[in-house]
Amino acid sequence: MLWVGIGCGGLLLLSIGGGIAAYFYMRSQVSAVESAVAAASAAAAGESPAPSNLTPNCVKAIACCKATMAKTAGANAAAAEQACNGIGILADDVCLKQYEGQKRAATVVGASCP
């Protein structure tokens, strides 16, 4: 019976150690992801695609996004503006889908898209 107790105690200590190791491993991974996201955000801050590089579908999608966000953004207007400008980096077919979605959203909030 003594050996069963020692074995169970050993397994308990092993599982506690594994749990602590998993916690610190995940914490380091999350920290690395947070650092990468912060670096990407800092690099992208203030950068908006040049209007000459935008396709007509992207221009429409950005304009519709801004019209929708003007009705709903409130205190987050700067973040909404940046998010809308980010549509310009998408491919033309994705911009078309974004425009269609933004147009439906604009209808819901009472805005109008060009």
PDB file of N, CA and C in Angstrom:
ATOM      1  N   MET A   1       0.816  -1.188   0.000  1.00  0.00           N
ATOM      2  CA  MET A   1       0.000   0.000   0.000  1.00  0.00           C
ATOM      3  C   MET A   1       0.865   1.259   0.000  1.00  0.00           C
ATOM      4  N   LEU A   2       2.013   1.159   0.638  1.00  0.00           N
ATOM      5  CA  LEU A   2       2.915   2.294   0.690  1.00  0.00           C
ATOM      6  C   LEU A   2       3.372   2.692  -0.708  1.00  0.00           C
ATOM      7  N   TRP A   3       3.655   1.685  -1.548  1.00  0.00           N
ATOM      8  CA  TRP A   3       4.125   1.972  -2.898  1.00  0.00           C
ATOM      9  C   TRP A   3       3.016   2.601  -3.752  1.00  0.00           C
ATOM     10  N   VAL A   4       1.784   2.225  -3.522  1.00  0.00           N
ATOM     11  CA  VAL A   4       0.665   2.836  -4.248  1.00  0.00           C
ATOM     12  C   VAL A   4       0.544   4.309  -3.882  1.00  0.00           C
ATOM     13  N   GLY A   5       0.688   4.625  -2.615  1.00  0.00           N
ATOM     14  CA  GLY A   5       0.636   6.021  -2.163  1.00  0.00           C
ATOM     15  C   GLY A   5       1.785   6.841  -2.721  1.00  0.00           C
ATOM     16  N   ILE A   6       2.962   6.257  -2.735  1.00  0.00           N
ATOM     17  CA  ILE A   6       4.128   6.965  -3.290  1.00  0.00           C
ATOM     18  C   ILE A   6       3.947   7.179  -4.796  1.00  0.00           C
ATOM     19  N   GLY A   7       3.427   6.150  -5.470  1.00  0.00           N
ATOM     20  CA  GLY A   7       3.181   6.274  -6.921  1.00  0.00           C
ATOM     21  C   GLY A   7       2.150   7.335  -7.239  1.00  0.00           C
ATOM     22  N   CYS A   8       1.058   7.345  -6.470  1.00  0.00           N
ATOM     23  CA  CYS A   8       0.021   8.370  -6.687  1.00  0.00           C
ATOM     24  C   CYS A   8       0.556   9.764  -6.383  1.00  0.00           C
ATOM     25  N   GLY A   9       1.344   9.885  -5.331  1.00  0.00           N
ATOM     26  CA  GLY A   9       1.944  11.179  -5.000  1.00  0.00           C
ATOM     27  C   GLY A   9       2.887  11.643  -6.093  1.00  0.00           C
ATOM     28  N   GLY A  10       3.657  10.711  -6.649  1.00  0.00           N
ATOM     29  CA  GLY A  10       4.560  11.048  -7.758  1.00  0.00           C
ATOM     30  C   GLY A  10       3.801  11.512  -8.983  1.00  0.00           C
ATOM     31  N   LEU A  11       2.713  10.815  -9.308  1.00  0.00           N
ATOM     32  CA  LEU A  11       1.891  11.231 -10.452  1.00  0.00           C
ATOM     33  C   LEU A  11       1.260  12.597 -10.218  1.00  0.00           C
ATOM     34  N   LEU A  12       0.856  12.861  -8.981  1.00  0.00           N
ATOM     35  CA  LEU A  12       0.281  14.160  -8.649  1.00  0.00           C
ATOM     36  C   LEU A  12       1.307  15.266  -8.841  1.00  0.00           C
ATOM     37  N   LEU A  13       2.520  15.051  -8.340  1.00  0.00           N
ATOM     38  CA  LEU A  13       3.577  16.044  -8.506  1.00  0.00           C
ATOM     39  C   LEU A  13       3.939  16.237  -9.978  1.00  0.00           C
ATOM     40  N   LEU A  14       3.958  15.143 -10.725  1.00  0.00           N
ATOM     41  CA  LEU A  14       4.259  15.216 -12.149  1.00  0.00           C
ATOM     42  C   LEU A  14       3.189  16.009 -12.896  1.00  0.00           C
ATOM     43  N   SER A  15       1.933  15.786 -12.574  1.00  0.00           N
ATOM     44  CA  SER A  15       0.856  16.516 -13.251  1.00  0.00           C
ATOM     45  C   SER A  15       0.856  17.989 -12.861  1.00  0.00           C
ATOM     46  N   ILE A  16       1.160  18.308 -11.618  1.00  0.00           N
ATOM     47  CA  ILE A  16       1.246  19.709 -11.198  1.00  0.00           C
ATOM     48  C   ILE A  16       2.388  20.395 -11.938  1.00  0.00           C
ATOM     49  N   GLY A  17       3.532  19.726 -12.026  1.00  0.00           N
ATOM     50  CA  GLY A  17       4.676  20.282 -12.757  1.00  0.00           C
ATOM     51  C   GLY A  17       4.347  20.489 -14.230  1.00  0.00           C
ATOM     52  N   GLY A  18       3.652  19.535 -14.824  1.00  0.00           N
ATOM     53  CA  GLY A  18       3.242  19.669 -16.224  1.00  0.00           C
ATOM     54  C   GLY A  18       2.288  20.826 -16.431  1.00  0.00           C
ATOM     55  N   GLY A  19       1.372  20.996 -15.495  1.00  0.00           N
ATOM     56  CA  GLY A  19       0.431  22.119 -15.588  1.00  0.00           C
ATOM     57  C   GLY A  19       1.136  23.461 -15.494  1.00  0.00           C
ATOM     58  N   ILE A  20       2.096  23.549 -14.587  1.00  0.00           N
ATOM     59  CA  ILE A  20       2.850  24.800 -14.442  1.00  0.00           C
ATOM     60  C   ILE A  20       3.684  25.063 -15.696  1.00  0.00           C
ATOM     61  N   ALA A  21       4.312  24.035 -16.234  1.00  0.00           N
ATOM     62  CA  ALA A  21       5.106  24.197 -17.457  1.00  0.00           C
ATOM     63  C   ALA A  21       4.220  24.621 -18.621  1.00  0.00           C
ATOM     64  N   ALA A  22       3.047  24.018 -18.751  1.00  0.00           N
ATOM     65  CA  ALA A  22       2.123  24.385 -19.830  1.00  0.00           C
ATOM     66  C   ALA A  22       1.664  25.826 -19.690  1.00  0.00           C
ATOM     67  N   TYR A  23       1.412  26.257 -18.466  1.00  0.00           N
ATOM     68  CA  TYR A  23       0.996  27.638 -18.233  1.00  0.00           C
ATOM     69  C   TYR A  23       2.061  28.619 -18.723  1.00  0.00           C
ATOM     70  N   PHE A  24       3.304  28.405 -18.304  1.00  0.00           N
ATOM     71  CA  PHE A  24       4.363  29.332 -18.696  1.00  0.00           C
ATOM     72  C   PHE A  24       4.673  29.261 -20.184  1.00  0.00           C
ATOM     73  N   TYR A  25       4.548  28.087 -20.790  1.00  0.00           N
ATOM     74  CA  TYR A  25       4.739  27.970 -22.232  1.00  0.00           C
ATOM     75  C   TYR A  25       3.673  28.767 -22.976  1.00  0.00           C
ATOM     76  N   MET A  26       2.411  28.594 -22.610  1.00  0.00           N
ATOM     77  CA  MET A  26       1.323  29.325 -23.276  1.00  0.00           C
ATOM     78  C   MET A  26       1.455  30.824 -23.032  1.00  0.00           C
ATOM     79  N   ARG A  27       1.875  31.188 -21.850  1.00  0.00           N
ATOM     80  CA  ARG A  27       2.056  32.611 -21.536  1.00  0.00           C
ATOM     81  C   ARG A  27       3.120  33.217 -22.440  1.00  0.00           C
ATOM     82  N   SER A  28       4.205  32.517 -22.687  1.00  0.00           N
ATOM     83  CA  SER A  28       5.248  33.038 -23.571  1.00  0.00           C
ATOM     84  C   SER A  28       4.758  33.110 -25.011  1.00  0.00           C
ATOM     85  N   GLN A  29       3.950  32.144 -25.432  1.00  0.00           N
ATOM     86  CA  GLN A  29       3.417  32.170 -26.799  1.00  0.00           C
ATOM     87  C   GLN A  29       2.450  33.330 -26.986  1.00  0.00           C
ATOM     88  N   VAL A  30       1.592  33.557 -26.025  1.00  0.00           N
ATOM     89  CA  VAL A  30       0.646  34.678 -26.094  1.00  0.00           C
ATOM     90  C   VAL A  30       1.399  35.998 -26.096  1.00  0.00           C
ATOM     91  N   SER A  31       2.429  36.089 -25.290  1.00  0.00           N
ATOM     92  CA  SER A  31       3.239  37.308 -25.250  1.00  0.00           C
ATOM     93  C   SER A  31       3.902  37.560 -26.598  1.00  0.00           C
ATOM     94  N   ALA A  32       4.380  36.510 -27.243  1.00  0.00           N
ATOM     95  CA  ALA A  32       5.007  36.657 -28.554  1.00  0.00           C
ATOM     96  C   ALA A  32       3.997  37.131 -29.591  1.00  0.00           C
ATOM     97  N   VAL A  33       2.795  36.587 -29.536  1.00  0.00           N
ATOM     98  CA  VAL A  33       1.749  37.002 -30.477  1.00  0.00           C
ATOM     99  C   VAL A  33       1.351  38.455 -30.221  1.00  0.00           C
ATOM    100  N   GLU A  34       1.203  38.824 -28.952  1.00  0.00           N
ATOM    101  CA  GLU A  34       0.868  40.209 -28.626  1.00  0.00           C
ATOM    102  C   GLU A  34       1.937  41.168 -29.133  1.00  0.00           C
ATOM    103  N   SER A  35       3.196  40.790 -28.991  1.00  0.00           N
ATOM    104  CA  SER A  35       4.288  41.635 -29.476  1.00  0.00           C
ATOM    105  C   SER A  35       4.241  41.772 -30.986  1.00  0.00           C
ATOM    106  N   ALA A  36       3.950  40.678 -31.682  1.00  0.00           N
ATOM    107  CA  ALA A  36       3.872  40.719 -33.140  1.00  0.00           C
ATOM    108  C   ALA A  36       2.711  41.585 -33.610  1.00  0.00           C
ATOM    109  N   VAL A  37       1.581  41.472 -32.937  1.00  0.00           N
ATOM    110  CA  VAL A  37       0.417  42.282 -33.299  1.00  0.00           C
ATOM    111  C   VAL A  37       0.690  43.759 -33.033  1.00  0.00           C
ATOM    112  N   ALA A  38       1.322  44.059 -31.906  1.00  0.00           N
ATOM    113  CA  ALA A  38       1.645  45.449 -31.592  1.00  0.00           C
ATOM    114  C   ALA A  38       2.618  46.029 -32.613  1.00  0.00           C
ATOM    115  N   ALA A  39       3.594  45.243 -33.023  1.00  0.00           N
ATOM    116  CA  ALA A  39       4.555  45.713 -34.018  1.00  0.00           C
ATOM    117  C   ALA A  39       3.876  45.946 -35.360  1.00  0.00           C
ATOM    118  N   ALA A  40       2.971  45.044 -35.741  1.00  0.00           N
ATOM    119  CA  ALA A  40       2.259  45.207 -37.006  1.00  0.00           C
ATOM    120  C   ALA A  40       1.332  46.413 -36.953  1.00  0.00           C
ATOM    121  N   SER A  41       0.693  46.631 -35.828  1.00  0.00           N
ATOM    122  CA  SER A  41      -0.190  47.787 -35.676  1.00  0.00           C
ATOM    123  C   SER A  41       0.592  49.090 -35.741  1.00  0.00           C
ATOM    124  N   ALA A  42       1.752  49.097 -35.104  1.00  0.00           N
ATOM    125  CA  ALA A  42       2.578  50.298 -35.124  1.00  0.00           C
ATOM    126  C   ALA A  42       3.087  50.581 -36.530  1.00  0.00           C
ATOM    127  N   ALA A  43       3.404  49.536 -37.272  1.00  0.00           N
ATOM    128  CA  ALA A  43       3.897  49.717 -38.637  1.00  0.00           C
ATOM    129  C   ALA A  43       2.784  50.195 -39.564  1.00  0.00           C
ATOM    130  N   ALA A  44       1.563  49.764 -39.304  1.00  0.00           N
ATOM    131  CA  ALA A  44       0.454  50.114 -40.181  1.00  0.00           C
ATOM    132  C   ALA A  44      -0.244  51.415 -39.775  1.00  0.00           C
ATOM    133  N   ALA A  45       0.056  51.917 -38.590  1.00  0.00           N
ATOM    134  CA  ALA A  45      -0.629  53.119 -38.110  1.00  0.00           C
ATOM    135  C   ALA A  45      -0.320  54.303 -39.019  1.00  0.00           C
ATOM    136  N   GLY A  46      -1.358  54.950 -39.428  1.00  0.00           N
ATOM    137  CA  GLY A  46      -1.191  56.148 -40.246  1.00  0.00           C
ATOM    138  C   GLY A  46      -0.969  55.863 -41.713  1.00  0.00           C
ATOM    139  N   GLU A  47      -0.792  54.640 -42.078  1.00  0.00           N
ATOM    140  CA  GLU A  47      -0.580  54.323 -43.477  1.00  0.00           C
ATOM    141  C   GLU A  47      -1.913  53.953 -44.101  1.00  0.00           C
ATOM    142  N   SER A  48      -2.284  54.663 -45.132  1.00  0.00           N
ATOM    143  CA  SER A  48      -3.475  54.313 -45.875  1.00  0.00           C
ATOM    144  C   SER A  48      -3.072  54.170 -47.329  1.00  0.00           C
ATOM    145  N   PRO A  49      -3.720  53.318 -48.070  1.00  0.00           N
ATOM    146  CA  PRO A  49      -3.336  53.108 -49.445  1.00  0.00           C
ATOM    147  C   PRO A  49      -3.489  54.388 -50.251  1.00  0.00           C
ATOM    148  N   ALA A  50      -2.578  54.579 -51.163  1.00  0.00           N
ATOM    149  CA  ALA A  50      -2.638  55.773 -52.010  1.00  0.00           C
ATOM    150  C   ALA A  50      -3.870  55.693 -52.892  1.00  0.00           C
ATOM    151  N   PRO A  51      -4.622  56.790 -53.024  1.00  0.00           N
ATOM    152  CA  PRO A  51      -5.847  56.753 -53.815  1.00  0.00           C
ATOM    153  C   PRO A  51      -5.614  56.305 -55.255  1.00  0.00           C
ATOM    154  N   SER A  52      -4.434  56.568 -55.824  1.00  0.00           N
ATOM    155  CA  SER A  52      -4.183  56.182 -57.206  1.00  0.00           C
ATOM    156  C   SER A  52      -4.066  54.669 -57.364  1.00  0.00           C
ATOM    157  N   ASN A  53      -3.786  53.946 -56.287  1.00  0.00           N
ATOM    158  CA  ASN A  53      -3.625  52.500 -56.351  1.00  0.00           C
ATOM    159  C   ASN A  53      -4.928  51.748 -56.132  1.00  0.00           C
ATOM    160  N   LEU A  54      -5.991  52.433 -55.796  1.00  0.00           N
ATOM    161  CA  LEU A  54      -7.252  51.778 -55.464  1.00  0.00           C
ATOM    162  C   LEU A  54      -8.063  51.473 -56.711  1.00  0.00           C
ATOM    163  N   THR A  55      -8.690  50.313 -56.715  1.00  0.00           N
ATOM    164  CA  THR A  55      -9.605  49.973 -57.796  1.00  0.00           C
ATOM    165  C   THR A  55     -10.942  50.657 -57.526  1.00  0.00           C
ATOM    166  N   PRO A  56     -11.764  50.806 -58.549  1.00  0.00           N
ATOM    167  CA  PRO A  56     -13.075  51.444 -58.331  1.00  0.00           C
ATOM    168  C   PRO A  56     -13.926  50.734 -57.272  1.00  0.00           C
ATOM    169  N   ASN A  57     -13.857  49.401 -57.236  1.00  0.00           N
ATOM    170  CA  ASN A  57     -14.622  48.670 -56.221  1.00  0.00           C
ATOM    171  C   ASN A  57     -14.124  48.982 -54.818  1.00  0.00           C
ATOM    172  N   CYS A  58     -12.813  49.126 -54.664  1.00  0.00           N
ATOM    173  CA  CYS A  58     -12.248  49.444 -53.352  1.00  0.00           C
ATOM    174  C   CYS A  58     -12.610  50.871 -52.938  1.00  0.00           C
ATOM    175  N   VAL A  59     -12.611  51.792 -53.899  1.00  0.00           N
ATOM    176  CA  VAL A  59     -12.996  53.174 -53.588  1.00  0.00           C
ATOM    177  C   VAL A  59     -14.438  53.209 -53.100  1.00  0.00           C
ATOM    178  N   LYS A  60     -15.326  52.473 -53.781  1.00  0.00           N
ATOM    179  CA  LYS A  60     -16.733  52.420 -53.362  1.00  0.00           C
ATOM    180  C   LYS A  60     -16.867  51.772 -51.987  1.00  0.00           C
ATOM    181  N   ALA A  61     -16.126  50.688 -51.754  1.00  0.00           N
ATOM    182  CA  ALA A  61     -16.216  49.993 -50.473  1.00  0.00           C
ATOM    183  C   ALA A  61     -15.730  50.888 -49.330  1.00  0.00           C
ATOM    184  N   ILE A  62     -14.645  51.628 -49.549  1.00  0.00           N
ATOM    185  CA  ILE A  62     -14.121  52.525 -48.518  1.00  0.00           C
ATOM    186  C   ILE A  62     -15.110  53.646 -48.238  1.00  0.00           C
ATOM    187  N   ALA A  63     -15.667  54.226 -49.287  1.00  0.00           N
ATOM    188  CA  ALA A  63     -16.634  55.312 -49.110  1.00  0.00           C
ATOM    189  C   ALA A  63     -17.879  54.823 -48.371  1.00  0.00           C
ATOM    190  N   CYS A  64     -18.351  53.647 -48.716  1.00  0.00           N
ATOM    191  CA  CYS A  64     -19.540  53.093 -48.059  1.00  0.00           C
ATOM    192  C   CYS A  64     -19.230  52.757 -46.594  1.00  0.00           C
ATOM    193  N   CYS A  65     -18.040  52.226 -46.347  1.00  0.00           N
ATOM    194  CA  CYS A  65     -17.632  51.916 -44.979  1.00  0.00           C
ATOM    195  C   CYS A  65     -17.601  53.189 -44.138  1.00  0.00           C
ATOM    196  N   LYS A  66     -17.030  54.254 -44.693  1.00  0.00           N
ATOM    197  CA  LYS A  66     -16.947  55.517 -43.956  1.00  0.00           C
ATOM    198  C   LYS A  66     -18.334  56.099 -43.698  1.00  0.00           C
ATOM    199  N   ALA A  67     -19.232  55.963 -44.665  1.00  0.00           N
ATOM    200  CA  ALA A  67     -20.598  56.455 -44.475  1.00  0.00           C
ATOM    201  C   ALA A  67     -21.305  55.668 -43.367  1.00  0.00           C
ATOM    202  N   THR A  68     -21.106  54.363 -43.354  1.00  0.00           N
ATOM    203  CA  THR A  68     -21.718  53.528 -42.326  1.00  0.00           C
ATOM    204  C   THR A  68     -21.114  53.825 -40.960  1.00  0.00           C
ATOM    205  N   MET A  69     -19.811  53.943 -40.916  1.00  0.00           N
ATOM    206  CA  MET A  69     -19.124  54.201 -39.652  1.00  0.00           C
ATOM    207  C   MET A  69     -19.446  55.590 -39.106  1.00  0.00           C
ATOM    208  N   ALA A  70     -19.699  56.541 -39.976  1.00  0.00           N
ATOM    209  CA  ALA A  70     -20.053  57.882 -39.514  1.00  0.00           C
ATOM    210  C   ALA A  70     -21.329  57.852 -38.682  1.00  0.00           C
ATOM    211  N   LYS A  71     -22.214  56.919 -39.020  1.00  0.00           N
ATOM    212  CA  LYS A  71     -23.466  56.786 -38.270  1.00  0.00           C
ATOM    213  C   LYS A  71     -23.294  56.009 -36.967  1.00  0.00           C
ATOM    214  N   THR A  72     -22.288  55.121 -36.913  1.00  0.00           N
ATOM    215  CA  THR A  72     -22.230  54.195 -35.792  1.00  0.00           C
ATOM    216  C   THR A  72     -20.976  54.278 -34.934  1.00  0.00           C
ATOM    217  N   ALA A  73     -19.901  54.880 -35.403  1.00  0.00           N
ATOM    218  CA  ALA A  73     -18.608  54.787 -34.715  1.00  0.00           C
ATOM    219  C   ALA A  73     -18.577  55.548 -33.396  1.00  0.00           C
ATOM    220  N   GLY A  74     -19.127  56.724 -33.341  1.00  0.00           N
ATOM    221  CA  GLY A  74     -19.115  57.498 -32.106  1.00  0.00           C
ATOM    222  C   GLY A  74     -17.714  57.872 -31.683  1.00  0.00           C
ATOM    223  N   ALA A  75     -17.317  57.452 -30.484  1.00  0.00           N
ATOM    224  CA  ALA A  75     -16.013  57.810 -29.934  1.00  0.00           C
ATOM    225  C   ALA A  75     -14.873  57.081 -30.643  1.00  0.00           C
ATOM    226  N   ASN A  76     -15.176  56.052 -31.378  1.00  0.00           N
ATOM    227  CA  ASN A  76     -14.145  55.274 -32.063  1.00  0.00           C
ATOM    228  C   ASN A  76     -13.989  55.689 -33.517  1.00  0.00           C
ATOM    229  N   ALA A  77     -14.233  56.936 -33.831  1.00  0.00           N
ATOM    230  CA  ALA A  77     -14.192  57.389 -35.214  1.00  0.00           C
ATOM    231  C   ALA A  77     -12.820  57.212 -35.850  1.00  0.00           C
ATOM    232  N   ALA A  78     -11.759  57.459 -35.104  1.00  0.00           N
ATOM    233  CA  ALA A  78     -10.411  57.320 -35.669  1.00  0.00           C
ATOM    234  C   ALA A  78     -10.110  55.859 -36.000  1.00  0.00           C
ATOM    235  N   ALA A  79     -10.482  54.960 -35.131  1.00  0.00           N
ATOM    236  CA  ALA A  79     -10.263  53.539 -35.387  1.00  0.00           C
ATOM    237  C   ALA A  79     -11.114  53.070 -36.562  1.00  0.00           C
ATOM    238  N   ALA A  80     -12.337  53.576 -36.648  1.00  0.00           N
ATOM    239  CA  ALA A  80     -13.217  53.212 -37.755  1.00  0.00           C
ATOM    240  C   ALA A  80     -12.649  53.712 -39.068  1.00  0.00           C
ATOM    241  N   GLU A  81     -12.115  54.920 -39.077  1.00  0.00           N
ATOM    242  CA  GLU A  81     -11.504  55.487 -40.280  1.00  0.00           C
ATOM    243  C   GLU A  81     -10.333  54.610 -40.728  1.00  0.00           C
ATOM    244  N   GLN A  82      -9.503  54.215 -39.789  1.00  0.00           N
ATOM    245  CA  GLN A  82      -8.354  53.376 -40.109  1.00  0.00           C
ATOM    246  C   GLN A  82      -8.817  52.017 -40.638  1.00  0.00           C
ATOM    247  N   ALA A  83      -9.846  51.462 -40.035  1.00  0.00           N
ATOM    248  CA  ALA A  83     -10.363  50.173 -40.493  1.00  0.00           C
ATOM    249  C   ALA A  83     -10.913  50.283 -41.907  1.00  0.00           C
ATOM    250  N   CYS A  84     -11.619  51.358 -42.191  1.00  0.00           N
ATOM    251  CA  CYS A  84     -12.162  51.551 -43.537  1.00  0.00           C
ATOM    252  C   CYS A  84     -11.041  51.717 -44.555  1.00  0.00           C
ATOM    253  N   ASN A  85     -10.004  52.452 -44.200  1.00  0.00           N
ATOM    254  CA  ASN A  85      -8.883  52.624 -45.122  1.00  0.00           C
ATOM    255  C   ASN A  85      -8.169  51.302 -45.381  1.00  0.00           C
ATOM    256  N   GLY A  86      -8.238  50.396 -44.428  1.00  0.00           N
ATOM    257  CA  GLY A  86      -7.616  49.092 -44.596  1.00  0.00           C
ATOM    258  C   GLY A  86      -8.265  48.249 -45.683  1.00  0.00           C
ATOM    259  N   ILE A  87      -9.478  48.561 -46.045  1.00  0.00           N
ATOM    260  CA  ILE A  87     -10.149  47.825 -47.122  1.00  0.00           C
ATOM    261  C   ILE A  87      -9.367  47.983 -48.425  1.00  0.00           C
ATOM    262  N   GLY A  88      -8.692  49.115 -48.582  1.00  0.00           N
ATOM    263  CA  GLY A  88      -7.975  49.400 -49.821  1.00  0.00           C
ATOM    264  C   GLY A  88      -6.852  48.437 -50.139  1.00  0.00           C
ATOM    265  N   ILE A  89      -6.373  47.672 -49.190  1.00  0.00           N
ATOM    266  CA  ILE A  89      -5.286  46.731 -49.465  1.00  0.00           C
ATOM    267  C   ILE A  89      -5.807  45.380 -49.948  1.00  0.00           C
ATOM    268  N   LEU A  90      -7.110  45.232 -49.987  1.00  0.00           N
ATOM    269  CA  LEU A  90      -7.703  43.959 -50.394  1.00  0.00           C
ATOM    270  C   LEU A  90      -7.742  43.842 -51.914  1.00  0.00           C
ATOM    271  N   ALA A  91      -7.916  42.636 -52.385  1.00  0.00           N
ATOM    272  CA  ALA A  91      -8.057  42.389 -53.820  1.00  0.00           C
ATOM    273  C   ALA A  91      -9.393  42.961 -54.301  1.00  0.00           C
ATOM    274  N   ASP A  92      -9.476  43.202 -55.604  1.00  0.00           N
ATOM    275  CA  ASP A  92     -10.661  43.841 -56.179  1.00  0.00           C
ATOM    276  C   ASP A  92     -11.935  43.040 -55.915  1.00  0.00           C
ATOM    277  N   ASP A  93     -11.888  41.722 -56.063  1.00  0.00           N
ATOM    278  CA  ASP A  93     -13.094  40.925 -55.843  1.00  0.00           C
ATOM    279  C   ASP A  93     -13.518  40.937 -54.375  1.00  0.00           C
ATOM    280  N   VAL A  94     -12.548  41.009 -53.473  1.00  0.00           N
ATOM    281  CA  VAL A  94     -12.871  41.090 -52.046  1.00  0.00           C
ATOM    282  C   VAL A  94     -13.466  42.464 -51.737  1.00  0.00           C
ATOM    283  N   CYS A  95     -12.941  43.508 -52.386  1.00  0.00           N
ATOM    284  CA  CYS A  95     -13.506  44.850 -52.197  1.00  0.00           C
ATOM    285  C   CYS A  95     -14.960  44.890 -52.648  1.00  0.00           C
ATOM    286  N   LEU A  96     -15.261  44.196 -53.730  1.00  0.00           N
ATOM    287  CA  LEU A  96     -16.648  44.155 -54.210  1.00  0.00           C
ATOM    288  C   LEU A  96     -17.550  43.496 -53.166  1.00  0.00           C
ATOM    289  N   LYS A  97     -17.080  42.394 -52.569  1.00  0.00           N
ATOM    290  CA  LYS A  97     -17.872  41.725 -51.533  1.00  0.00           C
ATOM    291  C   LYS A  97     -18.007  42.618 -50.298  1.00  0.00           C
ATOM    292  N   GLN A  98     -16.927  43.331 -49.958  1.00  0.00           N
ATOM    293  CA  GLN A  98     -16.993  44.262 -48.831  1.00  0.00           C
ATOM    294  C   GLN A  98     -18.008  45.370 -49.116  1.00  0.00           C
ATOM    295  N   TYR A  99     -18.015  45.866 -50.341  1.00  0.00           N
ATOM    296  CA  TYR A  99     -18.965  46.921 -50.703  1.00  0.00           C
ATOM    297  C   TYR A  99     -20.399  46.431 -50.557  1.00  0.00           C
ATOM    298  N   GLU A 100     -20.656  45.226 -51.044  1.00  0.00           N
ATOM    299  CA  GLU A 100     -22.015  44.678 -50.933  1.00  0.00           C
ATOM    300  C   GLU A 100     -22.425  44.532 -49.471  1.00  0.00           C
ATOM    301  N   GLY A 101     -21.526  44.050 -48.644  1.00  0.00           N
ATOM    302  CA  GLY A 101     -21.823  43.907 -47.213  1.00  0.00           C
ATOM    303  C   GLY A 101     -22.003  45.250 -46.531  1.00  0.00           C
ATOM    304  N   GLN A 102     -21.143  46.208 -46.860  1.00  0.00           N
ATOM    305  CA  GLN A 102     -21.251  47.545 -46.275  1.00  0.00           C
ATOM    306  C   GLN A 102     -22.542  48.231 -46.714  1.00  0.00           C
ATOM    307  N   LYS A 103     -22.944  47.984 -47.954  1.00  0.00           N
ATOM    308  CA  LYS A 103     -24.182  48.595 -48.456  1.00  0.00           C
ATOM    309  C   LYS A 103     -25.391  48.054 -47.685  1.00  0.00           C
ATOM    310  N   ARG A 104     -25.399  46.760 -47.400  1.00  0.00           N
ATOM    311  CA  ARG A 104     -26.480  46.188 -46.588  1.00  0.00           C
ATOM    312  C   ARG A 104     -26.457  46.758 -45.177  1.00  0.00           C
ATOM    313  N   ALA A 105     -25.263  46.898 -44.612  1.00  0.00           N
ATOM    314  CA  ALA A 105     -25.138  47.453 -43.270  1.00  0.00           C
ATOM    315  C   ALA A 105     -25.581  48.915 -43.244  1.00  0.00           C
ATOM    316  N   ALA A 106     -25.253  49.654 -44.284  1.00  0.00           N
ATOM    317  CA  ALA A 106     -25.652  51.050 -44.352  1.00  0.00           C
ATOM    318  C   ALA A 106     -27.163  51.182 -44.368  1.00  0.00           C
ATOM    319  N   THR A 107     -27.812  50.297 -45.070  1.00  0.00           N
ATOM    320  CA  THR A 107     -29.276  50.315 -45.122  1.00  0.00           C
ATOM    321  C   THR A 107     -29.859  50.097 -43.740  1.00  0.00           C
ATOM    322  N   VAL A 108     -29.253  49.199 -42.968  1.00  0.00           N
ATOM    323  CA  VAL A 108     -29.747  48.881 -41.637  1.00  0.00           C
ATOM    324  C   VAL A 108     -29.617  50.082 -40.697  1.00  0.00           C
ATOM    325  N   VAL A 109     -28.495  50.808 -40.778  1.00  0.00           N
ATOM    326  CA  VAL A 109     -28.266  51.920 -39.857  1.00  0.00           C
ATOM    327  C   VAL A 109     -28.790  53.247 -40.374  1.00  0.00           C
ATOM    328  N   GLY A 110     -29.339  53.249 -41.569  1.00  0.00           N
ATOM    329  CA  GLY A 110     -29.915  54.472 -42.115  1.00  0.00           C
ATOM    330  C   GLY A 110     -28.935  55.355 -42.854  1.00  0.00           C
ATOM    331  N   ALA A 111     -27.816  54.814 -43.268  1.00  0.00           N
ATOM    332  CA  ALA A 111     -26.843  55.579 -44.050  1.00  0.00           C
ATOM    333  C   ALA A 111     -27.044  55.247 -45.533  1.00  0.00           C
ATOM    334  N   SER A 112     -26.389  56.012 -46.390  1.00  0.00           N
ATOM    335  CA  SER A 112     -26.486  55.718 -47.819  1.00  0.00           C
ATOM    336  C   SER A 112     -25.091  55.626 -48.398  1.00  0.00           C
ATOM    337  N   CYS A 113     -24.926  54.689 -49.305  1.00  0.00           N
ATOM    338  CA  CYS A 113     -23.628  54.490 -49.943  1.00  0.00           C
ATOM    339  C   CYS A 113     -23.646  55.066 -51.349  1.00  0.00           C
ATOM    340  N   PRO A 114     -22.487  55.539 -51.794  1.00  0.00           N
ATOM    341  CA  PRO A 114     -22.414  56.064 -53.175  1.00  0.00           C
ATOM    342  C   PRO A 114     -22.541  54.966 -54.199  1.00  0.00           C
TER     343      PRO A 114
END
